[in-house]
């Protein structure tokens, strides 16, 4: 009998996001989880890379738009990434994501994570976008955020949060440390713009839960 080939399952959105070596283990994480995001891969290396990069966009794969001037619509640079976070409580369940501004197609998503804050989510989303653009060798694509606090934290390369460490948010604190380390060890040219909600409406990455 032909031996069944080993597969690895990446769970980006589930009860416990991670990489699993069996369908049964993966299924337990995504069953009864709203909008679960997961995919199987042929090798552990592929799974590791996919988990780090975040879920694939639902439409066309992201490619840098550096060959022509950025298109503007009412002052908005449409060929850009917009980031946002949502948090139910302070602290509470936090998640963040980045979308392509022009069509709102999702590029990356993290969470929900327990005992987080909106500012932390906004900060991590900005760093996630910067790191992704650097990985794509794209120094030109702008990033929008509606959080002045997160933009200031990125400029200072430090998340000035008052959040307390709990047994539920240790991973979140590790992500903050890694984000601050990345900011201190890397340079970038991508412009970070404040999204003007008063004039433009909600940022395209908004979770729509207000």
N, C-alpha and C. Protein backbone atom coordinates (compact mmCIF):
# COMPACT_ATOMS: atom_id res chain seq x y z
N UNK A 1 0.85 -1.20 0.00
CA UNK A 1 0.00 0.00 0.00
C UNK A 1 0.88 1.25 0.00
N UNK A 2 0.49 2.20 -0.83
CA UNK A 2 1.26 3.43 -0.92
C UNK A 2 1.09 4.27 0.35
N UNK A 3 2.22 4.70 0.91
CA UNK A 3 2.16 5.47 2.15
C UNK A 3 1.64 6.87 1.90
N UNK A 4 0.73 7.31 2.74
CA UNK A 4 0.15 8.63 2.59
C UNK A 4 1.19 9.69 2.91
N UNK A 5 1.28 10.69 2.01
CA UNK A 5 2.28 11.74 2.17
C UNK A 5 1.93 12.66 3.34
N UNK A 6 2.94 13.00 4.13
CA UNK A 6 2.75 13.89 5.27
C UNK A 6 2.39 15.29 4.80
N UNK A 7 1.37 15.86 5.39
CA UNK A 7 1.00 17.24 5.11
C UNK A 7 1.04 18.05 6.39
N UNK A 8 1.18 19.36 6.21
CA UNK A 8 1.19 20.27 7.36
C UNK A 8 0.09 21.30 7.17
N UNK A 9 -0.60 21.60 8.24
CA UNK A 9 -1.78 22.46 8.17
C UNK A 9 -1.53 23.75 8.96
N UNK A 10 -1.65 24.86 8.25
CA UNK A 10 -1.47 26.17 8.88
C UNK A 10 -2.84 26.74 9.25
N UNK A 11 -2.99 27.12 10.50
CA UNK A 11 -4.22 27.76 10.98
C UNK A 11 -3.88 29.20 11.34
N UNK A 12 -4.36 30.15 10.52
CA UNK A 12 -4.15 31.57 10.81
C UNK A 12 -5.23 32.10 11.74
N UNK A 13 -6.46 31.66 11.47
CA UNK A 13 -7.58 32.09 12.31
C UNK A 13 -8.32 30.84 12.77
N UNK A 14 -8.25 30.57 14.07
CA UNK A 14 -8.89 29.41 14.65
C UNK A 14 -8.84 29.53 16.16
N UNK A 15 -9.24 28.49 16.85
CA UNK A 15 -9.22 28.54 18.31
C UNK A 15 -7.80 28.76 18.84
N UNK A 16 -6.83 28.06 18.23
CA UNK A 16 -5.42 28.23 18.60
C UNK A 16 -4.60 28.24 17.32
N UNK A 17 -4.31 29.43 16.76
CA UNK A 17 -3.53 29.52 15.52
C UNK A 17 -2.17 28.83 15.67
N UNK A 18 -1.71 28.22 14.58
CA UNK A 18 -0.43 27.53 14.61
C UNK A 18 -0.29 26.58 13.43
N UNK A 19 0.69 25.69 13.51
CA UNK A 19 0.96 24.70 12.46
C UNK A 19 0.71 23.32 13.04
N UNK A 20 -0.07 22.52 12.33
CA UNK A 20 -0.45 21.19 12.82
C UNK A 20 -0.06 20.12 11.79
N UNK A 21 0.30 18.96 12.29
CA UNK A 21 0.81 17.89 11.42
C UNK A 21 -0.26 16.87 11.04
N UNK A 22 -1.49 17.09 11.46
CA UNK A 22 -2.57 16.18 11.07
C UNK A 22 -3.85 16.96 10.83
N UNK A 23 -4.69 16.43 9.94
CA UNK A 23 -5.96 17.09 9.64
C UNK A 23 -6.86 17.11 10.87
N UNK A 24 -6.81 16.05 11.66
CA UNK A 24 -7.65 15.97 12.85
C UNK A 24 -7.34 17.11 13.82
N UNK A 25 -6.04 17.37 14.01
CA UNK A 25 -5.64 18.45 14.92
C UNK A 25 -6.05 19.81 14.36
N UNK A 26 -5.88 19.97 13.05
CA UNK A 26 -6.28 21.22 12.39
C UNK A 26 -7.78 21.43 12.51
N UNK A 27 -8.54 20.36 12.23
CA UNK A 27 -10.00 20.45 12.23
C UNK A 27 -10.53 20.88 13.59
N UNK A 28 -9.86 20.42 14.65
CA UNK A 28 -10.29 20.78 16.00
C UNK A 28 -10.15 22.29 16.25
N UNK A 29 -9.21 22.92 15.53
CA UNK A 29 -8.98 24.34 15.74
C UNK A 29 -9.91 25.22 14.92
N UNK A 30 -10.44 24.70 13.82
CA UNK A 30 -11.25 25.53 12.93
C UNK A 30 -12.75 25.25 13.01
N UNK A 31 -13.12 24.08 13.55
CA UNK A 31 -14.54 23.76 13.69
C UNK A 31 -15.22 24.77 14.61
N UNK A 32 -16.37 25.26 14.18
CA UNK A 32 -17.17 26.21 14.97
C UNK A 32 -16.45 27.51 15.28
N UNK A 33 -15.46 27.86 14.42
CA UNK A 33 -14.77 29.14 14.57
C UNK A 33 -15.16 30.03 13.40
N UNK A 34 -15.82 31.17 13.64
CA UNK A 34 -16.27 32.04 12.54
C UNK A 34 -15.12 32.52 11.68
N UNK A 35 -15.29 32.42 10.35
CA UNK A 35 -14.29 32.90 9.39
C UNK A 35 -12.91 32.30 9.62
N UNK A 36 -12.87 31.01 9.92
CA UNK A 36 -11.58 30.33 10.11
C UNK A 36 -10.76 30.41 8.82
N UNK A 37 -9.44 30.59 8.98
CA UNK A 37 -8.54 30.65 7.82
C UNK A 37 -7.46 29.59 8.02
N UNK A 38 -7.36 28.65 7.07
CA UNK A 38 -6.37 27.58 7.19
C UNK A 38 -6.06 27.03 5.80
N UNK A 39 -4.93 26.32 5.69
CA UNK A 39 -4.53 25.74 4.41
C UNK A 39 -3.49 24.66 4.65
N UNK A 40 -3.46 23.65 3.78
CA UNK A 40 -2.48 22.56 3.91
C UNK A 40 -1.28 22.83 3.01
N UNK A 41 -0.12 22.33 3.44
CA UNK A 41 1.12 22.47 2.68
C UNK A 41 1.87 21.14 2.66
N UNK A 42 2.69 20.97 1.62
CA UNK A 42 3.39 19.70 1.42
C UNK A 42 4.62 19.55 2.30
N UNK A 43 5.17 20.66 2.79
CA UNK A 43 6.39 20.57 3.60
C UNK A 43 6.29 21.50 4.80
N UNK A 44 7.08 21.19 5.82
CA UNK A 44 7.11 22.01 7.03
C UNK A 44 7.66 23.40 6.72
N UNK A 45 8.64 23.47 5.81
CA UNK A 45 9.23 24.76 5.45
C UNK A 45 8.19 25.67 4.81
N UNK A 46 7.38 25.11 3.92
CA UNK A 46 6.32 25.89 3.28
C UNK A 46 5.31 26.38 4.32
N UNK A 47 4.96 25.49 5.24
CA UNK A 47 4.00 25.84 6.29
C UNK A 47 4.54 26.95 7.18
N UNK A 48 5.82 26.85 7.57
CA UNK A 48 6.44 27.88 8.41
C UNK A 48 6.41 29.23 7.72
N UNK A 49 6.77 29.23 6.43
CA UNK A 49 6.80 30.49 5.67
C UNK A 49 5.41 31.08 5.53
N UNK A 50 4.43 30.22 5.27
CA UNK A 50 3.05 30.69 5.10
C UNK A 50 2.49 31.24 6.40
N UNK A 51 2.79 30.59 7.51
CA UNK A 51 2.28 31.05 8.80
C UNK A 51 2.86 32.42 9.16
N UNK A 52 4.15 32.60 8.84
CA UNK A 52 4.81 33.88 9.13
C UNK A 52 4.26 35.01 8.27
N UNK A 53 3.93 34.67 7.01
CA UNK A 53 3.46 35.70 6.06
C UNK A 53 2.01 36.09 6.27
N UNK A 54 1.23 35.22 6.91
CA UNK A 54 -0.19 35.48 7.08
C UNK A 54 -0.99 34.87 5.95
N UNK A 55 -2.32 34.84 6.09
CA UNK A 55 -3.17 34.20 5.08
C UNK A 55 -3.09 34.91 3.74
N UNK A 56 -3.28 34.14 2.68
CA UNK A 56 -3.26 34.70 1.34
C UNK A 56 -4.44 35.62 1.14
N UNK A 57 -4.25 36.62 0.30
CA UNK A 57 -5.35 37.51 -0.03
C UNK A 57 -6.43 36.74 -0.76
N UNK A 58 -7.67 37.16 -0.56
CA UNK A 58 -8.78 36.45 -1.16
C UNK A 58 -8.88 36.69 -2.66
N UNK A 59 -8.21 37.75 -3.14
CA UNK A 59 -8.23 38.04 -4.57
C UNK A 59 -6.85 37.78 -5.14
N UNK A 60 -6.33 38.70 -5.94
CA UNK A 60 -5.03 38.47 -6.55
C UNK A 60 -3.94 38.66 -5.52
N UNK A 61 -2.83 37.95 -5.70
CA UNK A 61 -1.72 38.04 -4.77
C UNK A 61 -1.13 39.44 -4.80
N UNK A 62 -0.65 39.90 -3.65
CA UNK A 62 -0.09 41.24 -3.57
C UNK A 62 1.20 41.31 -4.36
N UNK A 63 1.32 42.34 -5.20
CA UNK A 63 2.56 42.64 -5.90
C UNK A 63 2.82 44.13 -5.75
N UNK A 64 4.08 44.51 -5.56
CA UNK A 64 4.39 45.93 -5.38
C UNK A 64 3.96 46.75 -6.58
N UNK A 65 3.38 47.93 -6.33
CA UNK A 65 2.95 48.82 -7.41
C UNK A 65 3.95 49.98 -7.47
N UNK A 66 5.10 49.75 -8.11
CA UNK A 66 6.15 50.76 -8.12
C UNK A 66 6.46 51.26 -9.52
N UNK A 67 5.71 50.82 -10.53
CA UNK A 67 6.06 51.15 -11.90
C UNK A 67 5.39 52.41 -12.40
N UNK A 68 4.43 52.97 -11.65
CA UNK A 68 3.77 54.19 -12.08
C UNK A 68 3.41 55.02 -10.86
N UNK A 69 3.18 56.31 -11.04
CA UNK A 69 2.85 57.16 -9.89
C UNK A 69 1.61 56.66 -9.17
N UNK A 70 1.59 56.83 -7.86
CA UNK A 70 0.45 56.36 -7.07
C UNK A 70 -0.81 57.12 -7.47
N UNK A 71 -1.89 56.36 -7.65
CA UNK A 71 -3.16 56.97 -8.04
C UNK A 71 -3.85 57.54 -6.82
N UNK A 72 -4.38 58.75 -6.95
CA UNK A 72 -5.08 59.39 -5.83
C UNK A 72 -6.56 59.52 -6.14
N UNK A 73 -7.37 59.41 -5.12
CA UNK A 73 -8.81 59.59 -5.26
C UNK A 73 -9.27 60.46 -4.10
N UNK A 74 -9.55 61.74 -4.39
CA UNK A 74 -9.97 62.65 -3.33
C UNK A 74 -8.91 62.83 -2.26
N UNK A 75 -7.63 62.80 -2.65
CA UNK A 75 -6.54 62.94 -1.70
C UNK A 75 -6.02 61.62 -1.18
N UNK A 76 -6.73 60.52 -1.46
CA UNK A 76 -6.33 59.19 -0.98
C UNK A 76 -5.43 58.53 -2.02
N UNK A 77 -4.33 57.99 -1.59
CA UNK A 77 -3.46 57.20 -2.48
C UNK A 77 -4.02 55.78 -2.49
N UNK A 78 -4.67 55.43 -3.58
CA UNK A 78 -5.36 54.14 -3.65
C UNK A 78 -4.39 52.96 -3.69
N UNK A 79 -3.24 53.14 -4.32
CA UNK A 79 -2.26 52.05 -4.38
C UNK A 79 -1.41 52.11 -3.12
N UNK A 80 -1.99 51.60 -2.05
CA UNK A 80 -1.38 51.67 -0.72
C UNK A 80 -1.95 50.56 0.14
N UNK A 81 -1.38 50.41 1.33
CA UNK A 81 -1.90 49.45 2.31
C UNK A 81 -2.55 50.24 3.44
N UNK A 82 -3.73 49.82 3.85
CA UNK A 82 -4.41 50.40 5.01
C UNK A 82 -4.43 49.36 6.13
N UNK A 83 -4.14 49.80 7.36
CA UNK A 83 -4.15 48.88 8.50
C UNK A 83 -5.13 49.38 9.56
N UNK A 84 -5.64 48.46 10.33
CA UNK A 84 -6.55 48.82 11.41
C UNK A 84 -6.58 47.70 12.44
N UNK A 85 -7.07 48.02 13.62
CA UNK A 85 -7.21 47.03 14.69
C UNK A 85 -8.59 47.17 15.31
N UNK A 86 -9.02 46.11 15.97
CA UNK A 86 -10.28 46.12 16.70
C UNK A 86 -10.04 45.45 18.04
N UNK A 87 -10.68 45.96 19.08
CA UNK A 87 -10.51 45.38 20.42
C UNK A 87 -11.82 45.49 21.19
N UNK A 88 -12.30 44.36 21.68
CA UNK A 88 -13.54 44.34 22.46
C UNK A 88 -13.19 44.46 23.93
N UNK A 89 -13.10 45.68 24.41
CA UNK A 89 -12.68 45.92 25.79
C UNK A 89 -11.30 46.54 25.83
N UNK A 90 -10.88 46.98 27.00
CA UNK A 90 -9.56 47.58 27.15
C UNK A 90 -8.99 47.21 28.53
N UNK A 91 -8.25 46.11 28.64
CA UNK A 91 -7.89 45.21 27.54
C UNK A 91 -9.05 44.28 27.16
N UNK A 92 -8.85 43.59 26.03
CA UNK A 92 -9.86 42.65 25.56
C UNK A 92 -9.35 41.86 24.37
N UNK A 93 -10.27 41.21 23.67
CA UNK A 93 -9.90 40.44 22.48
C UNK A 93 -9.49 41.41 21.38
N UNK A 94 -8.26 41.30 20.92
CA UNK A 94 -7.72 42.23 19.93
C UNK A 94 -7.34 41.48 18.65
N UNK A 95 -7.58 42.13 17.52
CA UNK A 95 -7.10 41.61 16.24
C UNK A 95 -6.75 42.78 15.34
N UNK A 96 -5.90 42.52 14.37
CA UNK A 96 -5.55 43.57 13.41
C UNK A 96 -5.43 42.97 12.02
N UNK A 97 -5.45 43.85 11.03
CA UNK A 97 -5.29 43.39 9.65
C UNK A 97 -4.79 44.52 8.76
N UNK A 98 -4.32 44.12 7.58
CA UNK A 98 -3.91 45.06 6.55
C UNK A 98 -4.63 44.71 5.26
N UNK A 99 -5.10 45.73 4.54
CA UNK A 99 -5.80 45.50 3.28
C UNK A 99 -5.22 46.40 2.20
N UNK A 100 -5.48 46.02 0.94
CA UNK A 100 -5.11 46.87 -0.18
C UNK A 100 -6.17 47.97 -0.26
N UNK A 101 -5.73 49.22 -0.16
CA UNK A 101 -6.66 50.34 -0.05
C UNK A 101 -7.65 50.41 -1.21
N UNK A 102 -7.18 50.13 -2.41
CA UNK A 102 -8.01 50.30 -3.61
C UNK A 102 -9.25 49.43 -3.61
N UNK A 103 -9.13 48.18 -3.15
CA UNK A 103 -10.27 47.25 -3.24
C UNK A 103 -10.61 46.54 -1.93
N UNK A 104 -9.92 46.92 -0.85
CA UNK A 104 -10.17 46.36 0.48
C UNK A 104 -9.85 44.86 0.58
N UNK A 105 -9.11 44.32 -0.38
CA UNK A 105 -8.75 42.90 -0.30
C UNK A 105 -7.70 42.71 0.80
N UNK A 106 -7.90 41.66 1.60
CA UNK A 106 -7.06 41.45 2.78
C UNK A 106 -5.69 40.91 2.41
N UNK A 107 -4.66 41.50 2.99
CA UNK A 107 -3.28 41.08 2.77
C UNK A 107 -2.78 40.25 3.95
N UNK A 108 -3.08 40.68 5.17
CA UNK A 108 -2.70 39.90 6.35
C UNK A 108 -3.72 40.14 7.46
N UNK A 109 -3.74 39.21 8.40
CA UNK A 109 -4.68 39.29 9.53
C UNK A 109 -4.07 38.54 10.71
N UNK A 110 -4.21 39.11 11.90
CA UNK A 110 -3.75 38.43 13.12
C UNK A 110 -4.84 38.53 14.18
N UNK A 111 -5.00 37.43 14.91
CA UNK A 111 -5.91 37.43 16.05
C UNK A 111 -7.20 36.67 15.77
N UNK A 112 -8.11 36.72 16.76
CA UNK A 112 -8.06 37.55 17.98
C UNK A 112 -7.12 37.00 19.04
N UNK A 113 -6.54 37.93 19.81
CA UNK A 113 -5.65 37.59 20.91
C UNK A 113 -6.21 38.19 22.19
N UNK A 114 -6.09 37.47 23.29
CA UNK A 114 -6.67 37.91 24.56
C UNK A 114 -5.82 39.01 25.22
N UNK A 115 -6.49 39.83 26.01
CA UNK A 115 -5.86 40.87 26.83
C UNK A 115 -4.95 41.78 26.02
N UNK A 116 -5.49 42.29 24.92
CA UNK A 116 -4.76 43.25 24.10
C UNK A 116 -5.45 44.60 24.15
N UNK A 117 -4.89 45.57 23.43
CA UNK A 117 -5.51 46.89 23.32
C UNK A 117 -5.52 47.32 21.86
N UNK A 118 -6.35 48.28 21.57
CA UNK A 118 -6.45 48.77 20.20
C UNK A 118 -5.14 49.41 19.74
N UNK A 119 -4.51 50.19 20.61
CA UNK A 119 -3.25 50.84 20.24
C UNK A 119 -2.16 49.83 19.90
N UNK A 120 -2.10 48.76 20.68
CA UNK A 120 -1.10 47.72 20.41
C UNK A 120 -1.38 47.07 19.06
N UNK A 121 -2.65 46.79 18.78
CA UNK A 121 -3.00 46.20 17.50
C UNK A 121 -2.63 47.11 16.34
N UNK A 122 -2.91 48.42 16.48
CA UNK A 122 -2.58 49.38 15.43
C UNK A 122 -1.06 49.44 15.21
N UNK A 123 -0.31 49.41 16.31
CA UNK A 123 1.15 49.45 16.23
C UNK A 123 1.69 48.21 15.54
N UNK A 124 1.25 47.04 15.97
CA UNK A 124 1.73 45.79 15.37
C UNK A 124 1.34 45.70 13.89
N UNK A 125 0.18 46.22 13.54
CA UNK A 125 -0.26 46.20 12.15
C UNK A 125 0.66 47.04 11.27
N UNK A 126 1.06 48.20 11.77
CA UNK A 126 1.98 49.05 11.02
C UNK A 126 3.33 48.38 10.81
N UNK A 127 3.86 47.78 11.87
CA UNK A 127 5.16 47.11 11.74
C UNK A 127 5.04 45.90 10.82
N UNK A 128 3.93 45.17 10.92
CA UNK A 128 3.69 44.02 10.03
C UNK A 128 3.72 44.49 8.58
N UNK A 129 3.05 45.60 8.28
CA UNK A 129 3.02 46.11 6.91
C UNK A 129 4.41 46.55 6.45
N UNK A 130 5.14 47.24 7.30
CA UNK A 130 6.50 47.67 6.95
C UNK A 130 7.41 46.48 6.66
N UNK A 131 7.34 45.45 7.52
CA UNK A 131 8.17 44.27 7.33
C UNK A 131 7.80 43.53 6.06
N UNK A 132 6.50 43.46 5.77
CA UNK A 132 6.04 42.79 4.56
C UNK A 132 6.55 43.51 3.31
N UNK A 133 6.45 44.83 3.29
CA UNK A 133 6.91 45.60 2.14
C UNK A 133 8.42 45.48 1.96
N UNK A 134 9.15 45.45 3.07
CA UNK A 134 10.60 45.26 2.96
C UNK A 134 10.92 43.89 2.38
N UNK A 135 10.18 42.87 2.83
CA UNK A 135 10.38 41.52 2.32
C UNK A 135 10.10 41.45 0.82
N UNK A 136 9.14 42.25 0.35
CA UNK A 136 8.78 42.30 -1.07
C UNK A 136 9.70 43.25 -1.85
N UNK A 137 10.68 43.83 -1.17
CA UNK A 137 11.60 44.79 -1.80
C UNK A 137 10.82 45.95 -2.41
N UNK A 138 9.88 46.46 -1.65
CA UNK A 138 9.01 47.55 -2.09
C UNK A 138 9.15 48.73 -1.13
N UNK A 139 10.01 49.70 -1.46
CA UNK A 139 10.20 50.85 -0.58
C UNK A 139 9.27 52.01 -0.86
N UNK A 140 8.34 51.86 -1.80
CA UNK A 140 7.54 52.99 -2.26
C UNK A 140 6.09 52.99 -1.80
N UNK A 141 5.49 51.81 -1.63
CA UNK A 141 4.06 51.76 -1.30
C UNK A 141 3.77 52.40 0.06
N UNK A 142 2.86 53.36 0.11
CA UNK A 142 2.53 54.02 1.37
C UNK A 142 1.64 53.14 2.25
N UNK A 143 1.58 53.50 3.53
CA UNK A 143 0.72 52.80 4.50
C UNK A 143 -0.15 53.84 5.19
N UNK A 144 -1.43 53.51 5.33
CA UNK A 144 -2.37 54.37 6.05
C UNK A 144 -2.73 53.74 7.40
N UNK A 145 -2.82 54.59 8.42
CA UNK A 145 -3.34 54.19 9.73
C UNK A 145 -4.18 55.34 10.26
N UNK A 146 -5.26 55.03 10.97
CA UNK A 146 -6.07 56.10 11.56
C UNK A 146 -5.68 56.37 13.01
N UNK A 147 -4.56 55.78 13.45
CA UNK A 147 -4.12 55.92 14.84
C UNK A 147 -2.88 56.80 14.94
N UNK A 148 -3.05 58.01 15.46
CA UNK A 148 -1.89 58.88 15.68
C UNK A 148 -0.93 58.26 16.69
N UNK A 149 -1.49 57.58 17.68
CA UNK A 149 -0.66 56.95 18.71
C UNK A 149 0.26 55.91 18.11
N UNK A 150 -0.30 55.01 17.28
CA UNK A 150 0.51 53.95 16.67
C UNK A 150 1.58 54.53 15.75
N UNK A 151 1.22 55.56 14.99
CA UNK A 151 2.19 56.19 14.09
C UNK A 151 3.34 56.78 14.91
N UNK A 152 3.01 57.42 16.04
CA UNK A 152 4.04 57.99 16.91
C UNK A 152 4.92 56.90 17.50
N UNK A 153 4.33 55.79 17.92
CA UNK A 153 5.11 54.68 18.48
C UNK A 153 6.09 54.14 17.45
N UNK A 154 5.65 54.02 16.21
CA UNK A 154 6.54 53.52 15.15
C UNK A 154 7.70 54.49 14.94
N UNK A 155 7.40 55.77 14.91
CA UNK A 155 8.46 56.77 14.73
C UNK A 155 9.48 56.71 15.87
N UNK A 156 8.98 56.48 17.09
CA UNK A 156 9.87 56.39 18.25
C UNK A 156 10.48 55.00 18.41
N UNK A 157 9.97 54.04 17.61
CA UNK A 157 10.44 52.65 17.63
C UNK A 157 10.22 52.00 19.01
N UNK A 158 9.14 52.43 19.65
CA UNK A 158 8.83 51.94 20.99
C UNK A 158 7.33 52.01 21.23
N UNK A 159 6.74 50.88 21.69
CA UNK A 159 5.32 50.85 22.04
C UNK A 159 5.17 51.31 23.49
N UNK A 160 4.72 52.52 23.67
CA UNK A 160 4.62 53.10 25.02
C UNK A 160 3.30 52.71 25.67
N UNK A 161 3.10 51.41 25.84
CA UNK A 161 1.84 50.90 26.37
C UNK A 161 1.89 50.74 27.88
N UNK A 162 0.73 50.90 28.50
CA UNK A 162 0.60 50.67 29.94
C UNK A 162 -0.02 49.31 30.23
N UNK A 163 -0.19 48.51 29.19
CA UNK A 163 -0.81 47.19 29.35
C UNK A 163 0.00 46.31 30.29
N UNK A 164 -0.69 45.58 31.16
CA UNK A 164 -0.04 44.68 32.10
C UNK A 164 0.08 43.28 31.50
N UNK A 165 1.19 42.63 31.79
CA UNK A 165 1.41 41.26 31.34
C UNK A 165 0.50 40.31 32.12
N UNK A 166 -0.20 39.43 31.40
CA UNK A 166 -1.04 38.41 32.04
C UNK A 166 -0.71 37.06 31.44
N UNK A 167 -1.32 36.02 31.99
CA UNK A 167 -1.08 34.68 31.46
C UNK A 167 -1.65 34.52 30.06
N UNK A 168 -2.53 35.44 29.67
CA UNK A 168 -3.18 35.33 28.36
C UNK A 168 -2.47 36.10 27.25
N UNK A 169 -1.65 37.10 27.61
CA UNK A 169 -1.08 37.93 26.56
C UNK A 169 0.45 37.87 26.46
N UNK A 170 1.04 36.80 26.97
CA UNK A 170 2.49 36.66 26.89
C UNK A 170 2.97 36.67 25.44
N UNK A 171 2.21 36.01 24.56
CA UNK A 171 2.58 35.98 23.13
C UNK A 171 2.52 37.38 22.54
N UNK A 172 1.54 38.16 22.97
CA UNK A 172 1.38 39.52 22.48
C UNK A 172 2.58 40.38 22.90
N UNK A 173 3.03 40.22 24.13
CA UNK A 173 4.19 40.97 24.59
C UNK A 173 5.45 40.56 23.82
N UNK A 174 5.53 39.28 23.48
CA UNK A 174 6.65 38.82 22.67
C UNK A 174 6.61 39.46 21.28
N UNK A 175 5.43 39.59 20.72
CA UNK A 175 5.27 40.24 19.42
C UNK A 175 5.68 41.71 19.49
N UNK A 176 5.33 42.38 20.59
CA UNK A 176 5.72 43.78 20.77
C UNK A 176 7.23 43.90 20.82
N UNK A 177 7.88 43.02 21.58
CA UNK A 177 9.34 43.06 21.69
C UNK A 177 9.99 42.83 20.32
N UNK A 178 9.45 41.86 19.57
CA UNK A 178 10.01 41.58 18.24
C UNK A 178 9.77 42.74 17.27
N UNK A 179 8.61 43.39 17.39
CA UNK A 179 8.31 44.54 16.53
C UNK A 179 9.26 45.70 16.84
N UNK A 180 9.49 45.97 18.12
CA UNK A 180 10.42 47.04 18.50
C UNK A 180 11.83 46.72 18.03
N UNK A 181 12.22 45.47 18.14
CA UNK A 181 13.55 45.04 17.69
C UNK A 181 13.68 45.25 16.18
N UNK A 182 12.63 44.88 15.45
CA UNK A 182 12.67 45.05 13.99
C UNK A 182 12.82 46.53 13.63
N UNK A 183 12.08 47.39 14.30
CA UNK A 183 12.14 48.82 14.02
C UNK A 183 13.54 49.39 14.28
N UNK A 184 14.18 48.90 15.34
CA UNK A 184 15.51 49.41 15.70
C UNK A 184 16.60 48.88 14.78
N UNK A 185 16.36 47.72 14.18
CA UNK A 185 17.39 47.09 13.35
C UNK A 185 17.20 47.31 11.86
N UNK A 186 16.11 47.96 11.47
CA UNK A 186 15.82 48.13 10.05
C UNK A 186 15.50 49.59 9.74
N UNK A 187 15.68 49.94 8.46
CA UNK A 187 15.27 51.25 7.96
C UNK A 187 14.24 51.04 6.86
N UNK A 188 13.41 52.03 6.62
CA UNK A 188 12.39 51.92 5.58
C UNK A 188 12.12 53.31 5.01
N UNK A 189 11.62 53.32 3.79
CA UNK A 189 11.28 54.57 3.11
C UNK A 189 9.78 54.71 2.87
N UNK A 190 9.03 53.66 3.13
CA UNK A 190 7.58 53.70 2.87
C UNK A 190 6.93 54.81 3.71
N UNK A 191 6.22 55.73 3.08
CA UNK A 191 5.53 56.78 3.84
C UNK A 191 4.40 56.20 4.68
N UNK A 192 4.26 56.69 5.90
CA UNK A 192 3.13 56.32 6.75
C UNK A 192 2.24 57.55 6.88
N UNK A 193 1.00 57.44 6.41
CA UNK A 193 0.08 58.57 6.40
C UNK A 193 -1.05 58.36 7.41
N UNK A 194 -1.49 59.45 8.01
CA UNK A 194 -2.68 59.42 8.87
C UNK A 194 -3.92 59.39 7.99
N UNK A 195 -4.78 58.38 8.21
CA UNK A 195 -6.05 58.31 7.49
C UNK A 195 -7.01 59.33 8.10
N UNK A 196 -7.52 60.23 7.27
CA UNK A 196 -8.40 61.30 7.74
C UNK A 196 -9.85 60.84 7.74
N UNK A 197 -10.24 60.18 8.81
CA UNK A 197 -11.59 59.60 8.91
C UNK A 197 -12.68 60.66 8.76
N UNK A 198 -12.44 61.83 9.30
CA UNK A 198 -13.44 62.89 9.25
C UNK A 198 -13.80 63.28 7.82
N UNK A 199 -12.82 63.21 6.94
CA UNK A 199 -13.04 63.61 5.54
C UNK A 199 -13.30 62.43 4.61
N UNK A 200 -12.72 61.28 4.92
CA UNK A 200 -12.75 60.14 3.99
C UNK A 200 -13.64 58.99 4.45
N UNK A 201 -14.17 59.05 5.65
CA UNK A 201 -14.92 57.92 6.17
C UNK A 201 -13.99 56.92 6.82
N UNK A 202 -14.53 55.75 7.18
CA UNK A 202 -13.73 54.74 7.87
C UNK A 202 -12.62 54.21 6.96
N UNK A 203 -11.49 53.91 7.56
CA UNK A 203 -10.35 53.36 6.83
C UNK A 203 -10.75 52.02 6.21
N UNK A 204 -10.27 51.70 5.01
CA UNK A 204 -10.67 50.45 4.33
C UNK A 204 -10.44 49.19 5.15
N UNK A 205 -9.48 49.20 6.07
CA UNK A 205 -9.20 48.02 6.89
C UNK A 205 -10.12 47.91 8.10
N UNK A 206 -11.02 48.86 8.27
CA UNK A 206 -11.92 48.87 9.44
C UNK A 206 -12.71 47.57 9.56
N UNK A 207 -12.87 47.09 10.79
CA UNK A 207 -13.59 45.84 11.03
C UNK A 207 -15.10 46.04 11.07
N UNK A 208 -15.57 47.27 11.04
CA UNK A 208 -17.00 47.54 10.98
C UNK A 208 -17.78 47.16 12.21
N UNK A 209 -17.17 47.32 13.39
CA UNK A 209 -17.84 46.90 14.63
C UNK A 209 -18.20 48.07 15.54
N UNK A 210 -18.14 49.27 15.04
CA UNK A 210 -18.44 50.44 15.88
C UNK A 210 -19.94 50.57 16.11
